[in-house]
């Protein structure tokens, strides 16, 4: 991807309102990393010295239990910045971030961000705070659903959340434009792959959703909302 495209992505994220001069100066100090599927960007509990921009592909954010069980909190695509905990006093990362398929990320050293942005660093911090507030709202909803809802409700809620980020209106449906398999949905909802498959297969038979090559079409978003808000 060319430099101008990367600059445009930065301008539309945490760097909104930052001068192009400062962004260009920062790019001189950044490194483009190419990742294969499941390669780590950073691990939970480890200190990081960079924040990141997804230039191509997807990043999956997970929490791991002591027994090795994985829960997927989110999957982000091109144009999103992440890794803000590297800017904290200890720089310790609370989550694990890994490539989901072939992915490229721009690594931005935290020390260089502070030096290069100078007086505009406060604007940068304000942009991150605004982003964190919106993400916190989404996270509270996810926790509420996980604690008090049935598996069907949890699956419906996570699909709706993904549709908000990656849904595209088609003539007869809303299509989820990212590929996602049943194992990933299971990790997002705290259910087994077998139980998730049973629910999705029934919804497919009932005409609520369609599935092909890990791409989901939702034919009745309102019904999906009804299921998501039904705790039983």
C-alpha atoms as a PDB file:
ATOM      1  CA  UNK A   1       0.000   0.000   0.000  1.00  0.00           C
ATOM      2  CA  UNK A   2       1.337   3.447  -0.910  1.00  0.00           C
ATOM      3  CA  UNK A   3       2.320   6.098   1.615  1.00  0.00           C
ATOM      4  CA  UNK A   4      -0.568   8.434   0.689  1.00  0.00           C
ATOM      5  CA  UNK A   5      -3.128   5.708   1.451  1.00  0.00           C
ATOM      6  CA  UNK A   6      -1.567   5.020   4.846  1.00  0.00           C
ATOM      7  CA  UNK A   7      -1.531   8.753   5.605  1.00  0.00           C
ATOM      8  CA  UNK A   8      -5.230   8.949   4.718  1.00  0.00           C
ATOM      9  CA  UNK A   9      -6.046   6.065   7.074  1.00  0.00           C
ATOM     10  CA  UNK A  10      -4.154   7.761   9.901  1.00  0.00           C
ATOM     11  CA  UNK A  11      -5.970  11.038   9.260  1.00  0.00           C
ATOM     12  CA  UNK A  12      -9.318   9.257   9.653  1.00  0.00           C
ATOM     13  CA  UNK A  13      -8.491   7.543  12.953  1.00  0.00           C
ATOM     14  CA  UNK A  14      -6.770   8.621  16.165  1.00  0.00           C
ATOM     15  CA  UNK A  15      -4.883  11.219  14.158  1.00  0.00           C
ATOM     16  CA  UNK A  16      -8.001  13.100  13.096  1.00  0.00           C
ATOM     17  CA  UNK A  17      -7.183  16.822  13.159  1.00  0.00           C
ATOM     18  CA  UNK A  18      -3.412  16.252  13.320  1.00  0.00           C
ATOM     19  CA  UNK A  19      -1.475  18.196  10.704  1.00  0.00           C
ATOM     20  CA  UNK A  20      -0.215  16.318   7.638  1.00  0.00           C
ATOM     21  CA  UNK A  21       3.277  17.583   8.431  1.00  0.00           C
ATOM     22  CA  UNK A  22       3.289  15.836  11.788  1.00  0.00           C
ATOM     23  CA  UNK A  23       1.772  12.658  10.299  1.00  0.00           C
ATOM     24  CA  UNK A  24       4.431  12.594   7.564  1.00  0.00           C
ATOM     25  CA  UNK A  25       7.189  13.099  10.142  1.00  0.00           C
ATOM     26  CA  UNK A  26       5.774  10.247  12.189  1.00  0.00           C
ATOM     27  CA  UNK A  27       5.620   7.940   9.159  1.00  0.00           C
ATOM     28  CA  UNK A  28       9.388   8.364   8.782  1.00  0.00           C
ATOM     29  CA  UNK A  29       9.772   6.630  12.155  1.00  0.00           C
ATOM     30  CA  UNK A  30       7.225   3.832  11.631  1.00  0.00           C
ATOM     31  CA  UNK A  31       7.729   0.234  10.551  1.00  0.00           C
ATOM     32  CA  UNK A  32       5.410  -1.804   8.318  1.00  0.00           C
ATOM     33  CA  UNK A  33       5.058  -5.370   9.610  1.00  0.00           C
ATOM     34  CA  UNK A  34       3.743  -8.267   7.520  1.00  0.00           C
ATOM     35  CA  UNK A  35       2.008 -11.030   9.500  1.00  0.00           C
ATOM     36  CA  UNK A  36       0.854 -14.515   8.641  1.00  0.00           C
ATOM     37  CA  UNK A  37      -2.330 -16.027  10.039  1.00  0.00           C
ATOM     38  CA  UNK A  38      -2.240 -16.235  13.858  1.00  0.00           C
ATOM     39  CA  UNK A  39       1.069 -14.350  14.159  1.00  0.00           C
ATOM     40  CA  UNK A  40       1.035 -12.215  17.338  1.00  0.00           C
ATOM     41  CA  UNK A  41       1.240  -8.444  17.269  1.00  0.00           C
ATOM     42  CA  UNK A  42       1.546  -8.501  21.043  1.00  0.00           C
ATOM     43  CA  UNK A  43       0.683 -10.863  23.889  1.00  0.00           C
ATOM     44  CA  UNK A  44      -1.305 -10.260  27.051  1.00  0.00           C
ATOM     45  CA  UNK A  45       0.786  -9.215  30.046  1.00  0.00           C
ATOM     46  CA  UNK A  46       3.747  -8.143  27.895  1.00  0.00           C
ATOM     47  CA  UNK A  47       5.070  -4.588  27.632  1.00  0.00           C
ATOM     48  CA  UNK A  48       4.642  -2.919  24.239  1.00  0.00           C
ATOM     49  CA  UNK A  49       6.441   0.109  22.826  1.00  0.00           C
ATOM     50  CA  UNK A  50       4.187   0.663  19.811  1.00  0.00           C
ATOM     51  CA  UNK A  51       0.647   1.494  18.849  1.00  0.00           C
ATOM     52  CA  UNK A  52      -0.602   0.109  15.552  1.00  0.00           C
ATOM     53  CA  UNK A  53      -2.644   0.811  12.452  1.00  0.00           C
ATOM     54  CA  UNK A  54      -4.175  -2.079  10.482  1.00  0.00           C
ATOM     55  CA  UNK A  55      -3.022  -1.401   6.921  1.00  0.00           C
ATOM     56  CA  UNK A  56      -4.349  -4.642   5.397  1.00  0.00           C
ATOM     57  CA  UNK A  57      -6.222  -7.680   6.684  1.00  0.00           C
ATOM     58  CA  UNK A  58      -7.703  -8.266  10.144  1.00  0.00           C
ATOM     59  CA  UNK A  59      -6.616  -8.343  13.778  1.00  0.00           C
ATOM     60  CA  UNK A  60      -8.330 -10.547  16.350  1.00  0.00           C
ATOM     61  CA  UNK A  61      -8.348  -9.531  20.031  1.00  0.00           C
ATOM     62  CA  UNK A  62      -8.662 -12.318  22.575  1.00  0.00           C
ATOM     63  CA  UNK A  63      -8.574 -13.147  26.267  1.00  0.00           C
ATOM     64  CA  UNK A  64      -6.966 -16.452  27.248  1.00  0.00           C
ATOM     65  CA  UNK A  65      -7.888 -18.429  30.360  1.00  0.00           C
ATOM     66  CA  UNK A  66      -5.300 -20.240  32.477  1.00  0.00           C
ATOM     67  CA  UNK A  67      -6.398 -23.486  30.796  1.00  0.00           C
ATOM     68  CA  UNK A  68      -5.826 -22.036  27.328  1.00  0.00           C
ATOM     69  CA  UNK A  69      -9.466 -21.417  26.404  1.00  0.00           C
ATOM     70  CA  UNK A  70      -9.882 -18.445  24.083  1.00  0.00           C
ATOM     71  CA  UNK A  71     -12.584 -15.790  24.067  1.00  0.00           C
ATOM     72  CA  UNK A  72     -12.702 -13.441  21.095  1.00  0.00           C
ATOM     73  CA  UNK A  73     -13.595  -9.901  22.105  1.00  0.00           C
ATOM     74  CA  UNK A  74     -13.392  -8.285  18.688  1.00  0.00           C
ATOM     75  CA  UNK A  75     -12.160  -8.617  15.113  1.00  0.00           C
ATOM     76  CA  UNK A  76     -11.008  -5.402  13.430  1.00  0.00           C
ATOM     77  CA  UNK A  77     -10.193  -4.621   9.821  1.00  0.00           C
ATOM     78  CA  UNK A  78      -8.139  -2.156   7.790  1.00  0.00           C
ATOM     79  CA  UNK A  79      -8.010   1.437   8.987  1.00  0.00           C
ATOM     80  CA  UNK A  80      -8.381   0.815  12.727  1.00  0.00           C
ATOM     81  CA  UNK A  81      -5.736   1.863  15.268  1.00  0.00           C
ATOM     82  CA  UNK A  82      -5.120  -0.240  18.376  1.00  0.00           C
ATOM     83  CA  UNK A  83      -2.664  -0.935  21.174  1.00  0.00           C
ATOM     84  CA  UNK A  84      -3.266   2.263  23.137  1.00  0.00           C
ATOM     85  CA  UNK A  85      -2.200   0.574  26.397  1.00  0.00           C
ATOM     86  CA  UNK A  86       1.390   0.993  25.199  1.00  0.00           C
ATOM     87  CA  UNK A  87       0.938   4.686  26.004  1.00  0.00           C
ATOM     88  CA  UNK A  88       0.170   3.939  29.662  1.00  0.00           C
ATOM     89  CA  UNK A  89       2.776   4.256  32.402  1.00  0.00           C
ATOM     90  CA  UNK A  90       3.693   0.553  32.428  1.00  0.00           C
ATOM     91  CA  UNK A  91       2.892  -0.189  28.765  1.00  0.00           C
ATOM     92  CA  UNK A  92       1.491  -3.616  29.647  1.00  0.00           C
ATOM     93  CA  UNK A  93      -1.034  -5.027  27.177  1.00  0.00           C
ATOM     94  CA  UNK A  94      -4.263  -6.415  28.721  1.00  0.00           C
ATOM     95  CA  UNK A  95      -5.290  -8.421  25.638  1.00  0.00           C
ATOM     96  CA  UNK A  96      -3.715 -10.597  23.000  1.00  0.00           C
ATOM     97  CA  UNK A  97      -3.707  -9.319  19.414  1.00  0.00           C
ATOM     98  CA  UNK A  98      -3.055 -11.683  16.496  1.00  0.00           C
ATOM     99  CA  UNK A  99      -3.360 -11.603  12.730  1.00  0.00           C
ATOM    100  CA  UNK A 100      -6.492 -13.215  11.348  1.00  0.00           C
ATOM    101  CA  UNK A 101      -5.221 -14.216   7.911  1.00  0.00           C
ATOM    102  CA  UNK A 102      -2.462 -12.407   6.039  1.00  0.00           C
ATOM    103  CA  UNK A 103      -2.225  -8.956   7.597  1.00  0.00           C
ATOM    104  CA  UNK A 104      -0.039  -5.844   7.558  1.00  0.00           C
ATOM    105  CA  UNK A 105       0.223  -3.401  10.453  1.00  0.00           C
ATOM    106  CA  UNK A 106       2.047  -0.103  10.839  1.00  0.00           C
ATOM    107  CA  UNK A 107       4.018  -0.032  14.095  1.00  0.00           C
ATOM    108  CA  UNK A 108       4.237   3.485  15.549  1.00  0.00           C
ATOM    109  CA  UNK A 109       6.767   3.901  18.415  1.00  0.00           C
ATOM    110  CA  UNK A 110       5.127   5.589  21.382  1.00  0.00           C
ATOM    111  CA  UNK A 111       8.163   7.726  22.199  1.00  0.00           C
ATOM    112  CA  UNK A 112       8.277   9.038  18.644  1.00  0.00           C
ATOM    113  CA  UNK A 113       4.547   9.818  18.702  1.00  0.00           C
ATOM    114  CA  UNK A 114       5.009  12.048  21.741  1.00  0.00           C
ATOM    115  CA  UNK A 115       8.099  13.747  20.319  1.00  0.00           C
ATOM    116  CA  UNK A 116       6.828  14.236  16.767  1.00  0.00           C
ATOM    117  CA  UNK A 117       3.318  15.444  17.612  1.00  0.00           C
ATOM    118  CA  UNK A 118       4.523  17.940  20.183  1.00  0.00           C
ATOM    119  CA  UNK A 119       1.636  20.268  21.154  1.00  0.00           C
ATOM    120  CA  UNK A 120      -0.765  18.183  19.029  1.00  0.00           C
ATOM    121  CA  UNK A 121      -0.221  15.164  21.285  1.00  0.00           C
ATOM    122  CA  UNK A 122      -3.095  16.390  23.474  1.00  0.00           C
ATOM    123  CA  UNK A 123      -5.451  16.238  20.483  1.00  0.00           C
ATOM    124  CA  UNK A 124      -4.172  12.724  19.771  1.00  0.00           C
ATOM    125  CA  UNK A 125      -4.947  11.693  23.363  1.00  0.00           C
ATOM    126  CA  UNK A 126      -8.422  13.259  23.134  1.00  0.00           C
ATOM    127  CA  UNK A 127      -9.125  11.239  19.963  1.00  0.00           C
ATOM    128  CA  UNK A 128      -8.124   8.038  21.753  1.00  0.00           C
ATOM    129  CA  UNK A 129     -10.327   8.910  24.739  1.00  0.00           C
ATOM    130  CA  UNK A 130     -13.317   9.459  22.460  1.00  0.00           C
ATOM    131  CA  UNK A 131     -12.665   6.102  20.761  1.00  0.00           C
ATOM    132  CA  UNK A 132     -12.317   4.335  24.126  1.00  0.00           C
ATOM    133  CA  UNK A 133     -15.639   5.740  25.353  1.00  0.00           C
ATOM    134  CA  UNK A 134     -17.455   4.298  22.336  1.00  0.00           C
ATOM    135  CA  UNK A 135     -15.677   0.965  22.665  1.00  0.00           C
ATOM    136  CA  UNK A 136     -16.490   0.826  26.384  1.00  0.00           C
ATOM    137  CA  UNK A 137     -20.191   1.198  25.605  1.00  0.00           C
ATOM    138  CA  UNK A 138     -19.979  -1.744  23.215  1.00  0.00           C
ATOM    139  CA  UNK A 139     -18.033  -3.802  25.761  1.00  0.00           C
ATOM    140  CA  UNK A 140     -20.617  -3.216  28.508  1.00  0.00           C
ATOM    141  CA  UNK A 141     -23.300  -4.491  26.153  1.00  0.00           C
ATOM    142  CA  UNK A 142     -21.247  -7.595  25.369  1.00  0.00           C
ATOM    143  CA  UNK A 143     -20.675  -8.339  29.066  1.00  0.00           C
ATOM    144  CA  UNK A 144     -24.380  -7.878  29.831  1.00  0.00           C
ATOM    145  CA  UNK A 145     -25.350 -10.300  27.064  1.00  0.00           C
ATOM    146  CA  UNK A 146     -22.739 -12.893  28.104  1.00  0.00           C
ATOM    147  CA  UNK A 147     -23.826 -12.858  31.742  1.00  0.00           C
ATOM    148  CA  UNK A 148     -27.591 -12.848  31.400  1.00  0.00           C
ATOM    149  CA  UNK A 149     -28.590 -14.145  27.960  1.00  0.00           C
ATOM    150  CA  UNK A 150     -29.132 -17.493  26.271  1.00  0.00           C
ATOM    151  CA  UNK A 151     -26.734 -18.771  23.611  1.00  0.00           C
ATOM    152  CA  UNK A 152     -29.175 -17.805  20.853  1.00  0.00           C
ATOM    153  CA  UNK A 153     -29.355 -14.279  22.211  1.00  0.00           C
ATOM    154  CA  UNK A 154     -25.565 -14.084  22.486  1.00  0.00           C
ATOM    155  CA  UNK A 155     -25.078 -15.231  18.891  1.00  0.00           C
ATOM    156  CA  UNK A 156     -27.689 -12.771  17.618  1.00  0.00           C
ATOM    157  CA  UNK A 157     -26.115  -9.928  19.596  1.00  0.00           C
ATOM    158  CA  UNK A 158     -22.589 -10.581  18.300  1.00  0.00           C
ATOM    159  CA  UNK A 159     -23.825 -10.888  14.708  1.00  0.00           C
ATOM    160  CA  UNK A 160     -25.625  -7.556  15.066  1.00  0.00           C
ATOM    161  CA  UNK A 161     -22.462  -5.995  16.479  1.00  0.00           C
ATOM    162  CA  UNK A 162     -20.473  -7.259  13.493  1.00  0.00           C
ATOM    163  CA  UNK A 163     -23.158  -6.023  11.105  1.00  0.00           C
ATOM    164  CA  UNK A 164     -22.829  -2.518  12.580  1.00  0.00           C
ATOM    165  CA  UNK A 165     -19.133  -2.530  11.685  1.00  0.00           C
ATOM    166  CA  UNK A 166     -19.020  -4.619   8.510  1.00  0.00           C
ATOM    167  CA  UNK A 167     -22.607  -4.905   7.236  1.00  0.00           C
ATOM    168  CA  UNK A 168     -23.506  -3.898   3.669  1.00  0.00           C
ATOM    169  CA  UNK A 169     -27.087  -3.420   2.493  1.00  0.00           C
ATOM    170  CA  UNK A 170     -28.071  -5.697  -0.390  1.00  0.00           C
ATOM    171  CA  UNK A 171     -31.438  -5.766  -2.232  1.00  0.00           C
ATOM    172  CA  UNK A 172     -32.816  -8.600  -0.085  1.00  0.00           C
ATOM    173  CA  UNK A 173     -30.475  -8.792   2.905  1.00  0.00           C
ATOM    174  CA  UNK A 174     -27.689  -7.231   4.939  1.00  0.00           C
ATOM    175  CA  UNK A 175     -24.398  -8.962   4.218  1.00  0.00           C
ATOM    176  CA  UNK A 176     -21.545  -9.367   6.676  1.00  0.00           C
ATOM    177  CA  UNK A 177     -18.535  -8.529   4.512  1.00  0.00           C
ATOM    178  CA  UNK A 178     -15.886 -10.259   6.638  1.00  0.00           C
ATOM    179  CA  UNK A 179     -15.403 -14.003   6.651  1.00  0.00           C
ATOM    180  CA  UNK A 180     -16.075 -15.606  10.011  1.00  0.00           C
ATOM    181  CA  UNK A 181     -16.341 -19.299  10.839  1.00  0.00           C
ATOM    182  CA  UNK A 182     -18.389 -21.134  13.454  1.00  0.00           C
ATOM    183  CA  UNK A 183     -15.372 -21.695  15.701  1.00  0.00           C
ATOM    184  CA  UNK A 184     -14.812 -17.923  15.880  1.00  0.00           C
ATOM    185  CA  UNK A 185     -18.487 -17.278  16.648  1.00  0.00           C
ATOM    186  CA  UNK A 186     -18.266 -19.898  19.396  1.00  0.00           C
ATOM    187  CA  UNK A 187     -15.274 -18.081  20.893  1.00  0.00           C
ATOM    188  CA  UNK A 188     -17.195 -14.799  20.716  1.00  0.00           C
ATOM    189  CA  UNK A 189     -20.248 -16.156  22.511  1.00  0.00           C
ATOM    190  CA  UNK A 190     -18.891 -18.631  25.055  1.00  0.00           C
ATOM    191  CA  UNK A 191     -20.670 -21.581  23.428  1.00  0.00           C
ATOM    192  CA  UNK A 192     -19.359 -24.821  21.990  1.00  0.00           C
ATOM    193  CA  UNK A 193     -18.866 -25.102  18.248  1.00  0.00           C
ATOM    194  CA  UNK A 194     -21.474 -27.865  18.104  1.00  0.00           C
ATOM    195  CA  UNK A 195     -24.164 -25.797  19.856  1.00  0.00           C
ATOM    196  CA  UNK A 196     -23.390 -22.732  17.740  1.00  0.00           C
ATOM    197  CA  UNK A 197     -23.619 -24.835  14.578  1.00  0.00           C
ATOM    198  CA  UNK A 198     -27.014 -26.142  15.693  1.00  0.00           C
ATOM    199  CA  UNK A 199     -28.386 -22.611  16.189  1.00  0.00           C
ATOM    200  CA  UNK A 200     -26.976 -21.268  12.914  1.00  0.00           C
ATOM    201  CA  UNK A 201     -28.214 -24.271  10.952  1.00  0.00           C
ATOM    202  CA  UNK A 202     -31.735 -23.784  12.318  1.00  0.00           C
ATOM    203  CA  UNK A 203     -31.678 -20.085  11.481  1.00  0.00           C
ATOM    204  CA  UNK A 204     -30.510 -20.977   7.992  1.00  0.00           C
ATOM    205  CA  UNK A 205     -33.402 -23.447   7.551  1.00  0.00           C
ATOM    206  CA  UNK A 206     -35.863 -20.857   8.839  1.00  0.00           C
ATOM    207  CA  UNK A 207     -34.614 -18.272   6.334  1.00  0.00           C
ATOM    208  CA  UNK A 208     -33.280 -15.848   8.941  1.00  0.00           C
ATOM    209  CA  UNK A 209     -29.715 -16.050   7.651  1.00  0.00           C
ATOM    210  CA  UNK A 210     -27.785 -17.504   4.749  1.00  0.00           C
ATOM    211  CA  UNK A 211     -24.219 -18.833   4.783  1.00  0.00           C
ATOM    212  CA  UNK A 212     -21.730 -19.359   1.976  1.00  0.00           C
ATOM    213  CA  UNK A 213     -17.924 -19.551   2.245  1.00  0.00           C
ATOM    214  CA  UNK A 214     -18.043 -18.110   5.780  1.00  0.00           C
ATOM    215  CA  UNK A 215     -19.965 -15.049   4.544  1.00  0.00           C
ATOM    216  CA  UNK A 216     -23.282 -14.410   6.297  1.00  0.00           C
ATOM    217  CA  UNK A 217     -26.400 -12.821   4.818  1.00  0.00           C
ATOM    218  CA  UNK A 218     -29.038 -11.651   7.314  1.00  0.00           C
ATOM    219  CA  UNK A 219     -32.499 -11.579   5.738  1.00  0.00           C
ATOM    220  CA  UNK A 220     -34.402 -10.313   8.777  1.00  0.00           C
ATOM    221  CA  UNK A 221     -32.407  -7.914  10.933  1.00  0.00           C
ATOM    222  CA  UNK A 222     -35.456  -7.018  13.043  1.00  0.00           C
ATOM    223  CA  UNK A 223     -35.992 -10.669  13.990  1.00  0.00           C
ATOM    224  CA  UNK A 224     -32.317 -10.938  14.875  1.00  0.00           C
ATOM    225  CA  UNK A 225     -32.743  -7.879  17.139  1.00  0.00           C
ATOM    226  CA  UNK A 226     -35.756  -9.516  18.774  1.00  0.00           C
ATOM    227  CA  UNK A 227     -33.749 -12.663  19.513  1.00  0.00           C
ATOM    228  CA  UNK A 228     -30.844 -10.591  20.846  1.00  0.00           C
ATOM    229  CA  UNK A 229     -33.064  -8.781  23.350  1.00  0.00           C
ATOM    230  CA  UNK A 230     -34.824 -11.945  24.526  1.00  0.00           C
ATOM    231  CA  UNK A 231     -32.799 -13.251  27.512  1.00  0.00           C
ATOM    232  CA  UNK A 232     -34.416 -16.684  27.316  1.00  0.00           C
END
